[in-house]
Amino acid sequence: MSSQRRIGKRRVAGLLGLAFDADDGHTRITRGEHFFLAGGSEDSHDRMRETVVKVTEQLGKRGQRLTDVSVQQLCELLGEAQS
């Protein structure tokens, strides 16, 4: 089985976002039903959070949840959310 087939059949259980650019001493954590974001400067943590919100909104419009999409579909949604 090619790696493309294996990726297409995998499902996403959740998202983990980590950032290591904080230098202000703050600990930033945001969690939701299917995601956990930790660390980062205020700016990078906000970007992670905005991306997850956009992906979640797009899934809602489609009548799906994060756990319903394939890895490939998630990659596409993440790319769209960051554009």
PDB file of N, CA and C in Angstrom:
ATOM      1  N   MET A   1       0.849  -1.171   0.000  1.00  0.00           N
ATOM      2  CA  MET A   1       0.000   0.000   0.000  1.00  0.00           C
ATOM      3  C   MET A   1       0.898   1.238   0.000  1.00  0.00           C
ATOM      4  N   SER A   2       0.620   2.182  -0.864  1.00  0.00           N
ATOM      5  CA  SER A   2       1.438   3.385  -0.943  1.00  0.00           C
ATOM      6  C   SER A   2       1.194   4.271   0.278  1.00  0.00           C
ATOM      7  N   SER A   3       2.154   5.150   0.543  1.00  0.00           N
ATOM      8  CA  SER A   3       1.993   6.043   1.691  1.00  0.00           C
ATOM      9  C   SER A   3       0.822   6.991   1.468  1.00  0.00           C
ATOM     10  N   GLN A   4       0.531   7.357   0.219  1.00  0.00           N
ATOM     11  CA  GLN A   4      -0.601   8.226  -0.071  1.00  0.00           C
ATOM     12  C   GLN A   4      -1.913   7.567   0.337  1.00  0.00           C
ATOM     13  N   ARG A   5      -2.064   6.292   0.079  1.00  0.00           N
ATOM     14  CA  ARG A   5      -3.286   5.576   0.473  1.00  0.00           C
ATOM     15  C   ARG A   5      -3.420   5.518   1.985  1.00  0.00           C
ATOM     16  N   ARG A   6      -2.314   5.235   2.661  1.00  0.00           N
ATOM     17  CA  ARG A   6      -2.361   5.148   4.117  1.00  0.00           C
ATOM     18  C   ARG A   6      -2.739   6.491   4.729  1.00  0.00           C
ATOM     19  N   ILE A   7      -2.204   7.573   4.215  1.00  0.00           N
ATOM     20  CA  ILE A   7      -2.533   8.899   4.738  1.00  0.00           C
ATOM     21  C   ILE A   7      -3.996   9.205   4.487  1.00  0.00           C
ATOM     22  N   GLY A   8      -4.513   8.863   3.320  1.00  0.00           N
ATOM     23  CA  GLY A   8      -5.900   9.150   2.985  1.00  0.00           C
ATOM     24  C   GLY A   8      -6.900   8.421   3.861  1.00  0.00           C
ATOM     25  N   LYS A   9      -6.538   7.265   4.411  1.00  0.00           N
ATOM     26  CA  LYS A   9      -7.464   6.482   5.221  1.00  0.00           C
ATOM     27  C   LYS A   9      -7.378   6.800   6.708  1.00  0.00           C
ATOM     28  N   ARG A  10      -6.332   7.461   7.141  1.00  0.00           N
ATOM     29  CA  ARG A  10      -6.190   7.798   8.549  1.00  0.00           C
ATOM     30  C   ARG A  10      -7.192   8.870   8.938  1.00  0.00           C
ATOM     31  N   ARG A  11      -7.603   8.846  10.173  1.00  0.00           N
ATOM     32  CA  ARG A  11      -8.529   9.848  10.699  1.00  0.00           C
ATOM     33  C   ARG A  11      -7.822  10.645  11.791  1.00  0.00           C
ATOM     34  N   VAL A  12      -8.283  11.846  11.980  1.00  0.00           N
ATOM     35  CA  VAL A  12      -7.695  12.745  12.960  1.00  0.00           C
ATOM     36  C   VAL A  12      -8.430  12.600  14.289  1.00  0.00           C
ATOM     37  N   ALA A  13      -7.682  12.440  15.368  1.00  0.00           N
ATOM     38  CA  ALA A  13      -8.292  12.337  16.696  1.00  0.00           C
ATOM     39  C   ALA A  13      -8.298  13.695  17.399  1.00  0.00           C
ATOM     40  N   GLY A  14      -7.326  14.520  17.098  1.00  0.00           N
ATOM     41  CA  GLY A  14      -7.242  15.832  17.723  1.00  0.00           C
ATOM     42  C   GLY A  14      -6.024  16.576  17.223  1.00  0.00           C
ATOM     43  N   LEU A  15      -5.918  17.824  17.621  1.00  0.00           N
ATOM     44  CA  LEU A  15      -4.792  18.663  17.234  1.00  0.00           C
ATOM     45  C   LEU A  15      -3.996  19.060  18.467  1.00  0.00           C
ATOM     46  N   LEU A  16      -2.695  19.069  18.315  1.00  0.00           N
ATOM     47  CA  LEU A  16      -1.786  19.530  19.352  1.00  0.00           C
ATOM     48  C   LEU A  16      -0.949  20.646  18.753  1.00  0.00           C
ATOM     49  N   GLY A  17      -1.018  21.819  19.344  1.00  0.00           N
ATOM     50  CA  GLY A  17      -0.213  22.944  18.875  1.00  0.00           C
ATOM     51  C   GLY A  17       0.756  23.355  19.954  1.00  0.00           C
ATOM     52  N   LEU A  18       2.032  23.421  19.595  1.00  0.00           N
ATOM     53  CA  LEU A  18       3.073  23.827  20.537  1.00  0.00           C
ATOM     54  C   LEU A  18       3.892  24.947  19.922  1.00  0.00           C
ATOM     55  N   ALA A  19       4.209  25.951  20.727  1.00  0.00           N
ATOM     56  CA  ALA A  19       5.078  27.036  20.279  1.00  0.00           C
ATOM     57  C   ALA A  19       6.078  27.328  21.386  1.00  0.00           C
ATOM     58  N   PHE A  20       7.279  27.701  20.983  1.00  0.00           N
ATOM     59  CA  PHE A  20       8.365  27.859  21.955  1.00  0.00           C
ATOM     60  C   PHE A  20       9.027  29.232  21.889  1.00  0.00           C
ATOM     61  N   ASP A  21       8.303  30.233  21.387  1.00  0.00           N
ATOM     62  CA  ASP A  21       8.915  31.542  21.202  1.00  0.00           C
ATOM     63  C   ASP A  21       8.575  32.551  22.295  1.00  0.00           C
ATOM     64  N   ALA A  22       7.970  32.125  23.385  1.00  0.00           N
ATOM     65  CA  ALA A  22       7.611  33.050  24.468  1.00  0.00           C
ATOM     66  C   ALA A  22       8.861  33.441  25.249  1.00  0.00           C
ATOM     67  N   ASP A  23       8.975  34.733  25.497  1.00  0.00           N
ATOM     68  CA  ASP A  23      10.082  35.207  26.332  1.00  0.00           C
ATOM     69  C   ASP A  23       9.588  36.164  27.416  1.00  0.00           C
ATOM     70  N   ASP A  24       8.267  36.130  27.659  1.00  0.00           N
ATOM     71  CA  ASP A  24       7.691  37.041  28.638  1.00  0.00           C
ATOM     72  C   ASP A  24       7.296  36.352  29.943  1.00  0.00           C
ATOM     73  N   GLY A  25       7.582  35.065  30.073  1.00  0.00           N
ATOM     74  CA  GLY A  25       7.296  34.356  31.311  1.00  0.00           C
ATOM     75  C   GLY A  25       5.866  33.860  31.459  1.00  0.00           C
ATOM     76  N   HIS A  26       5.005  34.162  30.503  1.00  0.00           N
ATOM     77  CA  HIS A  26       3.615  33.711  30.582  1.00  0.00           C
ATOM     78  C   HIS A  26       3.485  32.271  30.090  1.00  0.00           C
ATOM     79  N   THR A  27       2.595  31.537  30.719  1.00  0.00           N
ATOM     80  CA  THR A  27       2.253  30.188  30.277  1.00  0.00           C
ATOM     81  C   THR A  27       0.887  30.262  29.617  1.00  0.00           C
ATOM     82  N   ARG A  28       0.846  29.980  28.324  1.00  0.00           N
ATOM     83  CA  ARG A  28      -0.411  30.080  27.577  1.00  0.00           C
ATOM     84  C   ARG A  28      -0.900  28.685  27.223  1.00  0.00           C
ATOM     85  N   ILE A  29      -2.126  28.389  27.598  1.00  0.00           N
ATOM     86  CA  ILE A  29      -2.738  27.103  27.292  1.00  0.00           C
ATOM     87  C   ILE A  29      -4.172  27.361  26.858  1.00  0.00           C
ATOM     88  N   THR A  30      -4.546  26.768  25.751  1.00  0.00           N
ATOM     89  CA  THR A  30      -5.924  26.820  25.270  1.00  0.00           C
ATOM     90  C   THR A  30      -6.302  25.400  24.897  1.00  0.00           C
ATOM     91  N   ARG A  31      -7.445  24.962  25.384  1.00  0.00           N
ATOM     92  CA  ARG A  31      -7.868  23.609  25.032  1.00  0.00           C
ATOM     93  C   ARG A  31      -9.340  23.592  24.668  1.00  0.00           C
ATOM     94  N   GLY A  32      -9.657  22.656  23.841  1.00  0.00           N
ATOM     95  CA  GLY A  32     -11.028  22.451  23.414  1.00  0.00           C
ATOM     96  C   GLY A  32     -11.313  20.969  23.376  1.00  0.00           C
ATOM     97  N   GLU A  33     -12.441  20.617  22.841  1.00  0.00           N
ATOM     98  CA  GLU A  33     -12.844  19.209  22.821  1.00  0.00           C
ATOM     99  C   GLU A  33     -11.841  18.331  22.072  1.00  0.00           C
ATOM    100  N   HIS A  34     -11.303  18.858  20.969  1.00  0.00           N
ATOM    101  CA  HIS A  34     -10.392  18.045  20.154  1.00  0.00           C
ATOM    102  C   HIS A  34      -9.087  18.759  19.838  1.00  0.00           C
ATOM    103  N   PHE A  35      -8.680  19.699  20.707  1.00  0.00           N
ATOM    104  CA  PHE A  35      -7.397  20.356  20.484  1.00  0.00           C
ATOM    105  C   PHE A  35      -6.802  20.816  21.805  1.00  0.00           C
ATOM    106  N   PHE A  36      -5.476  20.969  21.790  1.00  0.00           N
ATOM    107  CA  PHE A  36      -4.729  21.468  22.939  1.00  0.00           C
ATOM    108  C   PHE A  36      -3.592  22.321  22.396  1.00  0.00           C
ATOM    109  N   LEU A  37      -3.567  23.589  22.778  1.00  0.00           N
ATOM    110  CA  LEU A  37      -2.537  24.513  22.333  1.00  0.00           C
ATOM    111  C   LEU A  37      -1.745  24.966  23.548  1.00  0.00           C
ATOM    112  N   ALA A  38      -0.423  24.957  23.451  1.00  0.00           N
ATOM    113  CA  ALA A  38       0.401  25.330  24.591  1.00  0.00           C
ATOM    114  C   ALA A  38       1.599  26.134  24.140  1.00  0.00           C
ATOM    115  N   GLY A  39       1.923  27.124  24.968  1.00  0.00           N
ATOM    116  CA  GLY A  39       3.136  27.888  24.778  1.00  0.00           C
ATOM    117  C   GLY A  39       3.016  28.998  23.760  1.00  0.00           C
ATOM    118  N   GLY A  40       4.152  29.583  23.500  1.00  0.00           N
ATOM    119  CA  GLY A  40       4.264  30.618  22.501  1.00  0.00           C
ATOM    120  C   GLY A  40       4.116  32.019  23.047  1.00  0.00           C
ATOM    121  N   SER A  41       4.533  32.952  22.227  1.00  0.00           N
ATOM    122  CA  SER A  41       4.317  34.356  22.540  1.00  0.00           C
ATOM    123  C   SER A  41       2.832  34.640  22.387  1.00  0.00           C
ATOM    124  N   GLU A  42       2.415  35.822  22.802  1.00  0.00           N
ATOM    125  CA  GLU A  42       1.007  36.178  22.650  1.00  0.00           C
ATOM    126  C   GLU A  42       0.597  36.076  21.181  1.00  0.00           C
ATOM    127  N   ASP A  43       1.458  36.547  20.288  1.00  0.00           N
ATOM    128  CA  ASP A  43       1.155  36.536  18.855  1.00  0.00           C
ATOM    129  C   ASP A  43       1.054  35.113  18.296  1.00  0.00           C
ATOM    130  N   SER A  44       2.038  34.281  18.583  1.00  0.00           N
ATOM    131  CA  SER A  44       2.014  32.929  18.005  1.00  0.00           C
ATOM    132  C   SER A  44       0.885  32.089  18.596  1.00  0.00           C
ATOM    133  N   HIS A  45       0.601  32.266  19.876  1.00  0.00           N
ATOM    134  CA  HIS A  45      -0.494  31.507  20.482  1.00  0.00           C
ATOM    135  C   HIS A  45      -1.831  31.957  19.877  1.00  0.00           C
ATOM    136  N   ASP A  46      -1.984  33.258  19.670  1.00  0.00           N
ATOM    137  CA  ASP A  46      -3.202  33.770  19.033  1.00  0.00           C
ATOM    138  C   ASP A  46      -3.360  33.217  17.621  1.00  0.00           C
ATOM    139  N   ARG A  47      -2.255  33.119  16.873  1.00  0.00           N
ATOM    140  CA  ARG A  47      -2.331  32.553  15.513  1.00  0.00           C
ATOM    141  C   ARG A  47      -2.750  31.092  15.544  1.00  0.00           C
ATOM    142  N   MET A  48      -2.218  30.326  16.495  1.00  0.00           N
ATOM    143  CA  MET A  48      -2.637  28.925  16.607  1.00  0.00           C
ATOM    144  C   MET A  48      -4.130  28.847  16.916  1.00  0.00           C
ATOM    145  N   ARG A  49      -4.568  29.669  17.853  1.00  0.00           N
ATOM    146  CA  ARG A  49      -5.972  29.658  18.258  1.00  0.00           C
ATOM    147  C   ARG A  49      -6.885  30.070  17.097  1.00  0.00           C
ATOM    148  N   GLU A  50      -6.513  31.121  16.375  1.00  0.00           N
ATOM    149  CA  GLU A  50      -7.308  31.563  15.225  1.00  0.00           C
ATOM    150  C   GLU A  50      -7.397  30.473  14.164  1.00  0.00           C
ATOM    151  N   THR A  51      -6.310  29.774  13.944  1.00  0.00           N
ATOM    152  CA  THR A  51      -6.303  28.689  12.953  1.00  0.00           C
ATOM    153  C   THR A  51      -7.262  27.589  13.357  1.00  0.00           C
ATOM    154  N   VAL A  52      -7.222  27.179  14.621  1.00  0.00           N
ATOM    155  CA  VAL A  52      -8.117  26.125  15.095  1.00  0.00           C
ATOM    156  C   VAL A  52      -9.574  26.577  15.009  1.00  0.00           C
ATOM    157  N   VAL A  53      -9.837  27.827  15.339  1.00  0.00           N
ATOM    158  CA  VAL A  53     -11.204  28.355  15.256  1.00  0.00           C
ATOM    159  C   VAL A  53     -11.692  28.324  13.813  1.00  0.00           C
ATOM    160  N   LYS A  54     -10.862  28.763  12.877  1.00  0.00           N
ATOM    161  CA  LYS A  54     -11.253  28.764  11.466  1.00  0.00           C
ATOM    162  C   LYS A  54     -11.530  27.350  10.966  1.00  0.00           C
ATOM    163  N   VAL A  55     -10.673  26.412  11.325  1.00  0.00           N
ATOM    164  CA  VAL A  55     -10.870  25.013  10.906  1.00  0.00           C
ATOM    165  C   VAL A  55     -12.173  24.484  11.495  1.00  0.00           C
ATOM    166  N   THR A  56     -12.412  24.750  12.763  1.00  0.00           N
ATOM    167  CA  THR A  56     -13.637  24.294  13.418  1.00  0.00           C
ATOM    168  C   THR A  56     -14.877  24.901  12.757  1.00  0.00           C
ATOM    169  N   GLU A  57     -14.805  26.175  12.408  1.00  0.00           N
ATOM    170  CA  GLU A  57     -15.925  26.830  11.725  1.00  0.00           C
ATOM    171  C   GLU A  57     -16.189  26.200  10.360  1.00  0.00           C
ATOM    172  N   GLN A  58     -15.124  25.936   9.617  1.00  0.00           N
ATOM    173  CA  GLN A  58     -15.289  25.309   8.296  1.00  0.00           C
ATOM    174  C   GLN A  58     -15.907  23.923   8.427  1.00  0.00           C
ATOM    175  N   LEU A  59     -15.470  23.183   9.415  1.00  0.00           N
ATOM    176  CA  LEU A  59     -16.039  21.847   9.635  1.00  0.00           C
ATOM    177  C   LEU A  59     -17.509  21.952   9.998  1.00  0.00           C
ATOM    178  N   GLY A  60     -17.861  22.933  10.830  1.00  0.00           N
ATOM    179  CA  GLY A  60     -19.255  23.142  11.209  1.00  0.00           C
ATOM    180  C   GLY A  60     -20.128  23.439  10.008  1.00  0.00           C
ATOM    181  N   LYS A  61     -19.620  24.242   9.086  1.00  0.00           N
ATOM    182  CA  LYS A  61     -20.366  24.554   7.859  1.00  0.00           C
ATOM    183  C   LYS A  61     -20.605  23.301   7.022  1.00  0.00           C
ATOM    184  N   ARG A  62     -19.684  22.360   7.119  1.00  0.00           N
ATOM    185  CA  ARG A  62     -19.800  21.100   6.376  1.00  0.00           C
ATOM    186  C   ARG A  62     -20.591  20.038   7.139  1.00  0.00           C
ATOM    187  N   GLY A  63     -20.934  20.347   8.380  1.00  0.00           N
ATOM    188  CA  GLY A  63     -21.633  19.367   9.202  1.00  0.00           C
ATOM    189  C   GLY A  63     -20.716  18.262   9.693  1.00  0.00           C
ATOM    190  N   GLN A  64     -19.422  18.591   9.847  1.00  0.00           N
ATOM    191  CA  GLN A  64     -18.436  17.606  10.298  1.00  0.00           C
ATOM    192  C   GLN A  64     -17.765  18.080  11.577  1.00  0.00           C
ATOM    193  N   ARG A  65     -17.079  17.142  12.206  1.00  0.00           N
ATOM    194  CA  ARG A  65     -16.234  17.436  13.357  1.00  0.00           C
ATOM    195  C   ARG A  65     -14.815  17.056  12.989  1.00  0.00           C
ATOM    196  N   LEU A  66     -13.882  17.477  13.795  1.00  0.00           N
ATOM    197  CA  LEU A  66     -12.479  17.191  13.526  1.00  0.00           C
ATOM    198  C   LEU A  66     -12.234  15.697  13.365  1.00  0.00           C
ATOM    199  N   THR A  67     -12.897  14.900  14.162  1.00  0.00           N
ATOM    200  CA  THR A  67     -12.689  13.453  14.116  1.00  0.00           C
ATOM    201  C   THR A  67     -13.289  12.801  12.872  1.00  0.00           C
ATOM    202  N   ASP A  68     -14.042  13.570  12.069  1.00  0.00           N
ATOM    203  CA  ASP A  68     -14.656  13.030  10.859  1.00  0.00           C
ATOM    204  C   ASP A  68     -13.768  13.141   9.628  1.00  0.00           C
ATOM    205  N   VAL A  69     -12.721  13.947   9.689  1.00  0.00           N
ATOM    206  CA  VAL A  69     -11.934  14.215   8.481  1.00  0.00           C
ATOM    207  C   VAL A  69     -10.672  13.363   8.425  1.00  0.00           C
ATOM    208  N   SER A  70     -10.200  13.169   7.220  1.00  0.00           N
ATOM    209  CA  SER A  70      -8.945  12.451   7.022  1.00  0.00           C
ATOM    210  C   SER A  70      -7.779  13.404   7.254  1.00  0.00           C
ATOM    211  N   VAL A  71      -6.590  12.864   7.353  1.00  0.00           N
ATOM    212  CA  VAL A  71      -5.397  13.676   7.535  1.00  0.00           C
ATOM    213  C   VAL A  71      -5.238  14.622   6.344  1.00  0.00           C
ATOM    214  N   GLN A  72      -5.479  14.121   5.157  1.00  0.00           N
ATOM    215  CA  GLN A  72      -5.352  14.943   3.954  1.00  0.00           C
ATOM    216  C   GLN A  72      -6.357  16.104   3.974  1.00  0.00           C
ATOM    217  N   GLN A  73      -7.590  15.833   4.353  1.00  0.00           N
ATOM    218  CA  GLN A  73      -8.592  16.891   4.434  1.00  0.00           C
ATOM    219  C   GLN A  73      -8.201  17.940   5.470  1.00  0.00           C
ATOM    220  N   LEU A  74      -7.665  17.493   6.599  1.00  0.00           N
ATOM    221  CA  LEU A  74      -7.232  18.417   7.637  1.00  0.00           C
ATOM    222  C   LEU A  74      -6.098  19.298   7.129  1.00  0.00           C
ATOM    223  N   CYS A  75      -5.156  18.722   6.427  1.00  0.00           N
ATOM    224  CA  CYS A  75      -4.060  19.512   5.868  1.00  0.00           C
ATOM    225  C   CYS A  75      -4.582  20.603   4.943  1.00  0.00           C
ATOM    226  N   GLU A  76      -5.560  20.269   4.131  1.00  0.00           N
ATOM    227  CA  GLU A  76      -6.171  21.256   3.239  1.00  0.00           C
ATOM    228  C   GLU A  76      -6.861  22.357   4.034  1.00  0.00           C
ATOM    229  N   LEU A  77      -7.616  21.984   5.058  1.00  0.00           N
ATOM    230  CA  LEU A  77      -8.302  22.966   5.896  1.00  0.00           C
ATOM    231  C   LEU A  77      -7.314  23.876   6.621  1.00  0.00           C
ATOM    232  N   LEU A  78      -6.235  23.319   7.114  1.00  0.00           N
ATOM    233  CA  LEU A  78      -5.219  24.117   7.796  1.00  0.00           C
ATOM    234  C   LEU A  78      -4.583  25.107   6.832  1.00  0.00           C
ATOM    235  N   GLY A  79      -4.313  24.664   5.618  1.00  0.00           N
ATOM    236  CA  GLY A  79      -3.743  25.552   4.608  1.00  0.00           C
ATOM    237  C   GLY A  79      -4.687  26.703   4.288  1.00  0.00           C
ATOM    238  N   GLU A  80      -5.956  26.400   4.141  1.00  0.00           N
ATOM    239  CA  GLU A  80      -6.963  27.443   3.877  1.00  0.00           C
ATOM    240  C   GLU A  80      -7.073  28.406   5.056  1.00  0.00           C
ATOM    241  N   ALA A  81      -7.015  27.894   6.261  1.00  0.00           N
ATOM    242  CA  ALA A  81      -7.168  28.727   7.459  1.00  0.00           C
ATOM    243  C   ALA A  81      -5.994  29.675   7.635  1.00  0.00           C
ATOM    244  N   GLN A  82      -4.843  29.316   7.153  1.00  0.00           N
ATOM    245  CA  GLN A  82      -3.671  30.154   7.319  1.00  0.00           C
ATOM    246  C   GLN A  82      -3.460  31.116   6.158  1.00  0.00           C
ATOM    247  N   SER A  83      -4.300  31.037   5.142  1.00  0.00           N
ATOM    248  CA  SER A  83      -4.166  31.930   3.974  1.00  0.00           C
ATOM    249  C   SER A  83      -4.684  33.299   4.261  1.00  0.00           C
TER     250      SER A  83
END
